[in-house]
Amino acid sequence: MQLCKILFSSNGYRQGNNMADPINITTPLTDDVIEKLSAGDRVVITGVIYTARDRAHQYIVEKYKKGEKPSFDLTGQIIYYTGPTPTPSGKPIGSAGPATSCRMDGYTPILLDMGLKGMIGKGPRGQEVKNAIKKYKAVYFATIGGAGALISKTIKKAEVVAYADLGSEAVMRLEVVDFPAIVVNDVHGLDLYRNGVEKYKEIGDVEGEAC
């Protein structure tokens, strides 16, 4: 609910940032782009992103520990934590809402070490992941759960590129245009779920005093 308020309000978490004007981002991500992002920034992403959930993360990490590289290059890429529903006729993909991100926490630092730069999901991340985001100059975005059908409209092409045996959890390469998200954890150590709540609490306290 807190994230919804910030996404659809006219003023962002970062003071002076007009949330009516989202930041346009293209993939792959670079350190220069990442360093300019701050928790609370609303963005729209255009380019290629990849899907991967729990089991795909497990496969990638297991193979990496054996010295094997994934069949797709993670360098500078964004992974979207989703397992889309079956694809309707005439559409590139089914409903594609975000999965709960903490389920990937145990694998994320390793993927960041492999070159991954961005993640999209829902919910907060653990401290180890937040530390790794700072260490590897990465960024964690959130998008709205329950809006999978709307999000899928920004996906123009989808194809399975790895682990087809996982079904809906296979790794997919998505071509997206203006995919909506908001920065939750930035390279500077800010956390929207923590700092955003504190900000609105301060506003509520001030309003309460005024009544």
C-alpha atoms as a PDB file:
ATOM      1  CA  MET A   1       0.000   0.000   0.000  1.00  0.00           C
ATOM      2  CA  GLN A   2       2.816   2.390   0.846  1.00  0.00           C
ATOM      3  CA  LEU A   3       4.439   1.731  -2.533  1.00  0.00           C
ATOM      4  CA  CYS A   4       1.142   2.394  -4.318  1.00  0.00           C
ATOM      5  CA  LYS A   5       0.859   5.788  -2.607  1.00  0.00           C
ATOM      6  CA  ILE A   6       4.311   6.778  -3.793  1.00  0.00           C
ATOM      7  CA  LEU A   7       3.855   5.447  -7.330  1.00  0.00           C
ATOM      8  CA  PHE A   8       0.647   7.328  -7.900  1.00  0.00           C
ATOM      9  CA  SER A   9       1.344  10.496  -5.939  1.00  0.00           C
ATOM     10  CA  SER A  10       2.561  13.708  -7.530  1.00  0.00           C
ATOM     11  CA  ASN A  11       5.602  13.956  -5.252  1.00  0.00           C
ATOM     12  CA  GLY A  12       8.273  11.295  -4.870  1.00  0.00           C
ATOM     13  CA  TYR A  13      10.316  10.189  -1.908  1.00  0.00           C
ATOM     14  CA  ARG A  14      13.321  12.196  -3.064  1.00  0.00           C
ATOM     15  CA  GLN A  15      12.576  15.826  -2.283  1.00  0.00           C
ATOM     16  CA  GLY A  16      11.885  17.908  -5.366  1.00  0.00           C
ATOM     17  CA  ASN A  17      11.489  14.920  -7.717  1.00  0.00           C
ATOM     18  CA  ASN A  18       8.292  15.196  -9.793  1.00  0.00           C
ATOM     19  CA  MET A  19       6.859  11.715  -9.962  1.00  0.00           C
ATOM     20  CA  ALA A  20       4.641  12.737 -12.887  1.00  0.00           C
ATOM     21  CA  ASP A  21       7.796  12.573 -15.013  1.00  0.00           C
ATOM     22  CA  PRO A  22       9.338   9.091 -14.707  1.00  0.00           C
ATOM     23  CA  ILE A  23      12.967   8.531 -15.602  1.00  0.00           C
ATOM     24  CA  ASN A  24      13.474   6.749 -18.915  1.00  0.00           C
ATOM     25  CA  ILE A  25      15.930   3.859 -18.656  1.00  0.00           C
ATOM     26  CA  THR A  26      17.266   1.649 -21.430  1.00  0.00           C
ATOM     27  CA  THR A  27      19.006  -1.685 -21.000  1.00  0.00           C
ATOM     28  CA  PRO A  28      21.650  -2.877 -20.466  1.00  0.00           C
ATOM     29  CA  LEU A  29      22.270  -0.816 -17.337  1.00  0.00           C
ATOM     30  CA  THR A  30      25.534   1.036 -16.766  1.00  0.00           C
ATOM     31  CA  ASP A  31      27.145   2.219 -13.544  1.00  0.00           C
ATOM     32  CA  ASP A  32      26.599   5.823 -14.620  1.00  0.00           C
ATOM     33  CA  VAL A  33      22.835   5.331 -14.888  1.00  0.00           C
ATOM     34  CA  ILE A  34      22.616   3.346 -11.651  1.00  0.00           C
ATOM     35  CA  GLU A  35      24.554   5.912  -9.637  1.00  0.00           C
ATOM     36  CA  LYS A  36      22.060   8.624 -10.620  1.00  0.00           C
ATOM     37  CA  LEU A  37      19.058   6.664  -9.327  1.00  0.00           C
ATOM     38  CA  SER A  38      17.668   7.167  -5.833  1.00  0.00           C
ATOM     39  CA  ALA A  39      15.088   5.254  -3.804  1.00  0.00           C
ATOM     40  CA  GLY A  40      11.646   6.559  -4.725  1.00  0.00           C
ATOM     41  CA  ASP A  41      12.501   7.426  -8.331  1.00  0.00           C
ATOM     42  CA  ARG A  42       9.802   6.223 -10.695  1.00  0.00           C
ATOM     43  CA  VAL A  43      11.190   4.780 -13.898  1.00  0.00           C
ATOM     44  CA  VAL A  44      10.055   3.292 -17.190  1.00  0.00           C
ATOM     45  CA  ILE A  45      12.344   0.669 -18.698  1.00  0.00           C
ATOM     46  CA  THR A  46      12.804   0.013 -22.405  1.00  0.00           C
ATOM     47  CA  GLY A  47      14.948  -2.712 -23.925  1.00  0.00           C
ATOM     48  CA  VAL A  48      15.650  -6.330 -23.027  1.00  0.00           C
ATOM     49  CA  ILE A  49      15.048  -7.814 -19.583  1.00  0.00           C
ATOM     50  CA  TYR A  50      15.075 -11.449 -18.460  1.00  0.00           C
ATOM     51  CA  THR A  51      12.702 -13.434 -16.276  1.00  0.00           C
ATOM     52  CA  ALA A  52      13.871 -15.821 -13.564  1.00  0.00           C
ATOM     53  CA  ARG A  53      12.374 -17.135 -10.358  1.00  0.00           C
ATOM     54  CA  ASP A  54      13.460 -19.484  -7.578  1.00  0.00           C
ATOM     55  CA  ARG A  55      14.289 -22.619  -9.546  1.00  0.00           C
ATOM     56  CA  ALA A  56      15.986 -20.780 -12.405  1.00  0.00           C
ATOM     57  CA  HIS A  57      18.154 -18.948  -9.870  1.00  0.00           C
ATOM     58  CA  GLN A  58      19.026 -22.280  -8.296  1.00  0.00           C
ATOM     59  CA  TYR A  59      20.012 -23.737 -11.690  1.00  0.00           C
ATOM     60  CA  ILE A  60      22.159 -20.713 -12.564  1.00  0.00           C
ATOM     61  CA  VAL A  61      24.005 -20.724  -9.243  1.00  0.00           C
ATOM     62  CA  GLU A  62      24.551 -24.490  -9.206  1.00  0.00           C
ATOM     63  CA  LYS A  63      26.061 -24.392 -12.704  1.00  0.00           C
ATOM     64  CA  TYR A  64      28.143 -21.331 -11.840  1.00  0.00           C
ATOM     65  CA  LYS A  65      29.659 -23.126  -8.857  1.00  0.00           C
ATOM     66  CA  LYS A  66      30.642 -25.934 -11.239  1.00  0.00           C
ATOM     67  CA  GLY A  67      32.387 -23.446 -13.502  1.00  0.00           C
ATOM     68  CA  GLU A  68      29.600 -23.304 -16.086  1.00  0.00           C
ATOM     69  CA  LYS A  69      28.203 -20.028 -17.426  1.00  0.00           C
ATOM     70  CA  PRO A  70      24.486 -19.506 -18.176  1.00  0.00           C
ATOM     71  CA  SER A  71      23.432 -19.577 -21.827  1.00  0.00           C
ATOM     72  CA  PHE A  72      22.588 -15.863 -21.648  1.00  0.00           C
ATOM     73  CA  ASP A  73      24.928 -13.058 -20.602  1.00  0.00           C
ATOM     74  CA  LEU A  74      23.973 -11.439 -17.277  1.00  0.00           C
ATOM     75  CA  THR A  75      26.344  -8.485 -17.704  1.00  0.00           C
ATOM     76  CA  GLY A  76      24.433  -5.232 -17.229  1.00  0.00           C
ATOM     77  CA  GLN A  77      21.088  -7.014 -17.368  1.00  0.00           C
ATOM     78  CA  ILE A  78      17.868  -6.794 -15.357  1.00  0.00           C
ATOM     79  CA  ILE A  79      16.050  -9.863 -14.082  1.00  0.00           C
ATOM     80  CA  TYR A  80      12.300  -9.639 -13.531  1.00  0.00           C
ATOM     81  CA  TYR A  81      11.005 -12.051 -10.914  1.00  0.00           C
ATOM     82  CA  THR A  82       7.933 -13.396 -12.667  1.00  0.00           C
ATOM     83  CA  GLY A  83       6.365 -16.616 -13.903  1.00  0.00           C
ATOM     84  CA  PRO A  84       3.813 -15.582 -16.525  1.00  0.00           C
ATOM     85  CA  THR A  85       0.486 -17.279 -17.063  1.00  0.00           C
ATOM     86  CA  PRO A  86      -0.136 -19.172 -20.342  1.00  0.00           C
ATOM     87  CA  THR A  87       0.127 -16.970 -23.420  1.00  0.00           C
ATOM     88  CA  PRO A  88      -3.249 -16.067 -24.968  1.00  0.00           C
ATOM     89  CA  SER A  89      -3.664 -16.332 -28.733  1.00  0.00           C
ATOM     90  CA  GLY A  90      -2.303 -13.300 -30.533  1.00  0.00           C
ATOM     91  CA  LYS A  91      -0.363 -11.986 -27.515  1.00  0.00           C
ATOM     92  CA  PRO A  92       3.373 -12.184 -26.773  1.00  0.00           C
ATOM     93  CA  ILE A  93       2.878 -13.249 -23.146  1.00  0.00           C
ATOM     94  CA  GLY A  94       0.261 -13.914 -20.487  1.00  0.00           C
ATOM     95  CA  SER A  95      -0.251 -11.980 -17.274  1.00  0.00           C
ATOM     96  CA  ALA A  96       3.186 -11.250 -15.808  1.00  0.00           C
ATOM     97  CA  GLY A  97       2.991  -9.936 -12.271  1.00  0.00           C
ATOM     98  CA  PRO A  98       5.970  -9.790  -9.893  1.00  0.00           C
ATOM     99  CA  ALA A  99       6.968 -12.575  -7.507  1.00  0.00           C
ATOM    100  CA  THR A 100       8.038 -11.977  -3.901  1.00  0.00           C
ATOM    101  CA  SER A 101      11.672 -10.962  -4.173  1.00  0.00           C
ATOM    102  CA  CYS A 102      13.008 -12.313  -0.874  1.00  0.00           C
ATOM    103  CA  ARG A 103      12.642 -15.834  -2.278  1.00  0.00           C
ATOM    104  CA  MET A 104      15.629 -15.040  -4.491  1.00  0.00           C
ATOM    105  CA  ASP A 105      17.739 -13.465  -1.717  1.00  0.00           C
ATOM    106  CA  GLY A 106      19.946 -16.519  -1.167  1.00  0.00           C
ATOM    107  CA  TYR A 107      21.072 -16.459  -4.806  1.00  0.00           C
ATOM    108  CA  THR A 108      21.143 -12.750  -5.576  1.00  0.00           C
ATOM    109  CA  PRO A 109      24.633 -11.795  -4.322  1.00  0.00           C
ATOM    110  CA  ILE A 110      26.163 -14.463  -6.572  1.00  0.00           C
ATOM    111  CA  LEU A 111      24.233 -13.220  -9.632  1.00  0.00           C
ATOM    112  CA  LEU A 112      25.339  -9.664  -8.882  1.00  0.00           C
ATOM    113  CA  ASP A 113      28.931 -10.915  -8.748  1.00  0.00           C
ATOM    114  CA  MET A 114      28.300 -12.455 -12.188  1.00  0.00           C
ATOM    115  CA  GLY A 115      27.411  -9.047 -13.618  1.00  0.00           C
ATOM    116  CA  LEU A 116      23.671  -8.678 -13.006  1.00  0.00           C
ATOM    117  CA  LYS A 117      22.811  -4.996 -12.482  1.00  0.00           C
ATOM    118  CA  GLY A 118      19.071  -4.801 -11.812  1.00  0.00           C
ATOM    119  CA  MET A 119      16.201  -6.777 -10.318  1.00  0.00           C
ATOM    120  CA  ILE A 120      12.442  -6.209 -10.430  1.00  0.00           C
ATOM    121  CA  GLY A 121      10.005  -7.804  -8.006  1.00  0.00           C
ATOM    122  CA  LYS A 122       7.874  -6.973  -4.996  1.00  0.00           C
ATOM    123  CA  GLY A 123       8.575  -6.710  -1.305  1.00  0.00           C
ATOM    124  CA  PRO A 124      11.722  -5.893   0.706  1.00  0.00           C
ATOM    125  CA  ARG A 125      15.175  -7.467   0.389  1.00  0.00           C
ATOM    126  CA  GLY A 126      17.401  -8.895   3.106  1.00  0.00           C
ATOM    127  CA  GLN A 127      20.447  -7.061   4.427  1.00  0.00           C
ATOM    128  CA  GLU A 128      22.904  -9.303   2.571  1.00  0.00           C
ATOM    129  CA  VAL A 129      21.261  -8.382  -0.728  1.00  0.00           C
ATOM    130  CA  LYS A 130      21.223  -4.672   0.134  1.00  0.00           C
ATOM    131  CA  ASN A 131      24.927  -4.863   0.957  1.00  0.00           C
ATOM    132  CA  ALA A 132      25.592  -6.608  -2.356  1.00  0.00           C
ATOM    133  CA  ILE A 133      23.631  -3.938  -4.244  1.00  0.00           C
ATOM    134  CA  LYS A 134      26.026  -1.320  -2.887  1.00  0.00           C
ATOM    135  CA  LYS A 135      29.123  -3.476  -3.425  1.00  0.00           C
ATOM    136  CA  TYR A 136      28.361  -4.350  -7.054  1.00  0.00           C
ATOM    137  CA  LYS A 137      26.661  -1.049  -8.000  1.00  0.00           C
ATOM    138  CA  ALA A 138      23.259  -2.511  -8.748  1.00  0.00           C
ATOM    139  CA  VAL A 139      19.640  -1.476  -8.176  1.00  0.00           C
ATOM    140  CA  TYR A 140      16.441  -3.145  -7.001  1.00  0.00           C
ATOM    141  CA  PHE A 141      13.151  -2.017  -8.492  1.00  0.00           C
ATOM    142  CA  ALA A 142       9.631  -2.927  -7.434  1.00  0.00           C
ATOM    143  CA  THR A 143       6.473  -3.022  -9.468  1.00  0.00           C
ATOM    144  CA  ILE A 144       2.873  -3.507  -8.358  1.00  0.00           C
ATOM    145  CA  GLY A 145       1.599  -6.961  -7.448  1.00  0.00           C
ATOM    146  CA  GLY A 146      -1.836  -7.735  -8.883  1.00  0.00           C
ATOM    147  CA  ALA A 147      -1.190  -5.651 -11.999  1.00  0.00           C
ATOM    148  CA  GLY A 148       0.225  -8.458 -14.131  1.00  0.00           C
ATOM    149  CA  ALA A 149      -2.243  -7.981 -16.980  1.00  0.00           C
ATOM    150  CA  LEU A 150      -1.406  -4.280 -17.230  1.00  0.00           C
ATOM    151  CA  ILE A 151       2.335  -4.894 -16.955  1.00  0.00           C
ATOM    152  CA  SER A 152       2.155  -7.470 -19.757  1.00  0.00           C
ATOM    153  CA  LYS A 153       1.014  -4.724 -22.135  1.00  0.00           C
ATOM    154  CA  THR A 154       4.521  -3.251 -21.959  1.00  0.00           C
ATOM    155  CA  ILE A 155       6.030  -6.588 -23.086  1.00  0.00           C
ATOM    156  CA  LYS A 156       6.272  -6.648 -26.874  1.00  0.00           C
ATOM    157  CA  LYS A 157       8.129  -9.923 -27.390  1.00  0.00           C
ATOM    158  CA  ALA A 158       8.929 -12.955 -25.240  1.00  0.00           C
ATOM    159  CA  GLU A 159      10.970 -16.072 -25.887  1.00  0.00           C
ATOM    160  CA  VAL A 160      12.343 -18.873 -23.705  1.00  0.00           C
ATOM    161  CA  VAL A 161      16.155 -18.811 -23.675  1.00  0.00           C
ATOM    162  CA  ALA A 162      17.024 -21.260 -20.871  1.00  0.00           C
ATOM    163  CA  TYR A 163      15.613 -24.069 -18.725  1.00  0.00           C
ATOM    164  CA  ALA A 164      12.504 -24.732 -20.796  1.00  0.00           C
ATOM    165  CA  ASP A 165      11.817 -27.757 -18.584  1.00  0.00           C
ATOM    166  CA  LEU A 166      10.806 -25.351 -15.786  1.00  0.00           C
ATOM    167  CA  GLY A 167       7.630 -24.354 -17.635  1.00  0.00           C
ATOM    168  CA  SER A 168       6.380 -20.972 -16.453  1.00  0.00           C
ATOM    169  CA  GLU A 169       9.604 -20.562 -14.439  1.00  0.00           C
ATOM    170  CA  ALA A 170      11.851 -20.937 -17.497  1.00  0.00           C
ATOM    171  CA  VAL A 171      14.160 -18.030 -18.230  1.00  0.00           C
ATOM    172  CA  MET A 172      12.599 -15.759 -20.839  1.00  0.00           C
ATOM    173  CA  ARG A 173      14.035 -12.883 -22.838  1.00  0.00           C
ATOM    174  CA  LEU A 174      11.542 -10.026 -22.891  1.00  0.00           C
ATOM    175  CA  GLU A 175      11.546  -6.962 -25.094  1.00  0.00           C
ATOM    176  CA  VAL A 176       9.770  -4.203 -23.168  1.00  0.00           C
ATOM    177  CA  VAL A 177       8.730  -0.626 -23.818  1.00  0.00           C
ATOM    178  CA  ASP A 178       8.033   1.720 -20.883  1.00  0.00           C
ATOM    179  CA  PHE A 179       7.915  -1.046 -18.275  1.00  0.00           C
ATOM    180  CA  PRO A 180       6.876   0.758 -15.032  1.00  0.00           C
ATOM    181  CA  ALA A 181       8.837   0.372 -11.809  1.00  0.00           C
ATOM    182  CA  ILE A 182      10.114   2.307  -8.816  1.00  0.00           C
ATOM    183  CA  VAL A 183      13.561   2.279  -7.242  1.00  0.00           C
ATOM    184  CA  VAL A 184      13.472   0.588  -3.822  1.00  0.00           C
ATOM    185  CA  ASN A 185      17.140  -0.074  -3.005  1.00  0.00           C
ATOM    186  CA  ASP A 186      19.765   2.141  -4.577  1.00  0.00           C
ATOM    187  CA  VAL A 187      23.556   2.071  -4.692  1.00  0.00           C
ATOM    188  CA  HIS A 188      23.692   4.768  -2.005  1.00  0.00           C
ATOM    189  CA  GLY A 189      22.130   2.508   0.629  1.00  0.00           C
ATOM    190  CA  LEU A 190      18.637   4.040   0.676  1.00  0.00           C
ATOM    191  CA  ASP A 191      15.653   1.718   1.129  1.00  0.00           C
ATOM    192  CA  LEU A 192      12.238   2.954   0.016  1.00  0.00           C
ATOM    193  CA  TYR A 193      10.365   0.463   2.179  1.00  0.00           C
ATOM    194  CA  ARG A 194      12.152   1.808   5.246  1.00  0.00           C
ATOM    195  CA  ASN A 195      12.769   5.477   4.409  1.00  0.00           C
ATOM    196  CA  GLY A 196       9.450   5.897   2.615  1.00  0.00           C
ATOM    197  CA  VAL A 197       7.510   4.680   5.641  1.00  0.00           C
ATOM    198  CA  GLU A 198       9.484   7.016   7.898  1.00  0.00           C
ATOM    199  CA  LYS A 199       8.781   9.944   5.558  1.00  0.00           C
ATOM    200  CA  TYR A 200       5.024   9.342   5.551  1.00  0.00           C
ATOM    201  CA  LYS A 201       5.075   8.795   9.299  1.00  0.00           C
ATOM    202  CA  GLU A 202       6.674  12.233   9.711  1.00  0.00           C
ATOM    203  CA  ILE A 203       4.000  13.764   7.473  1.00  0.00           C
ATOM    204  CA  GLY A 204       1.295  12.038   9.514  1.00  0.00           C
ATOM    205  CA  ASP A 205       2.796  13.281  12.762  1.00  0.00           C
ATOM    206  CA  VAL A 206       2.830  16.869  11.449  1.00  0.00           C
ATOM    207  CA  GLU A 207      -0.742  16.607  10.217  1.00  0.00           C
ATOM    208  CA  GLY A 208      -1.786  15.163  13.553  1.00  0.00           C
ATOM    209  CA  GLU A 209      -0.240  18.078  15.398  1.00  0.00           C
ATOM    210  CA  ALA A 210      -2.047  20.523  13.110  1.00  0.00           C
ATOM    211  CA  CYS A 211      -5.487  19.052  13.822  1.00  0.00           C
END
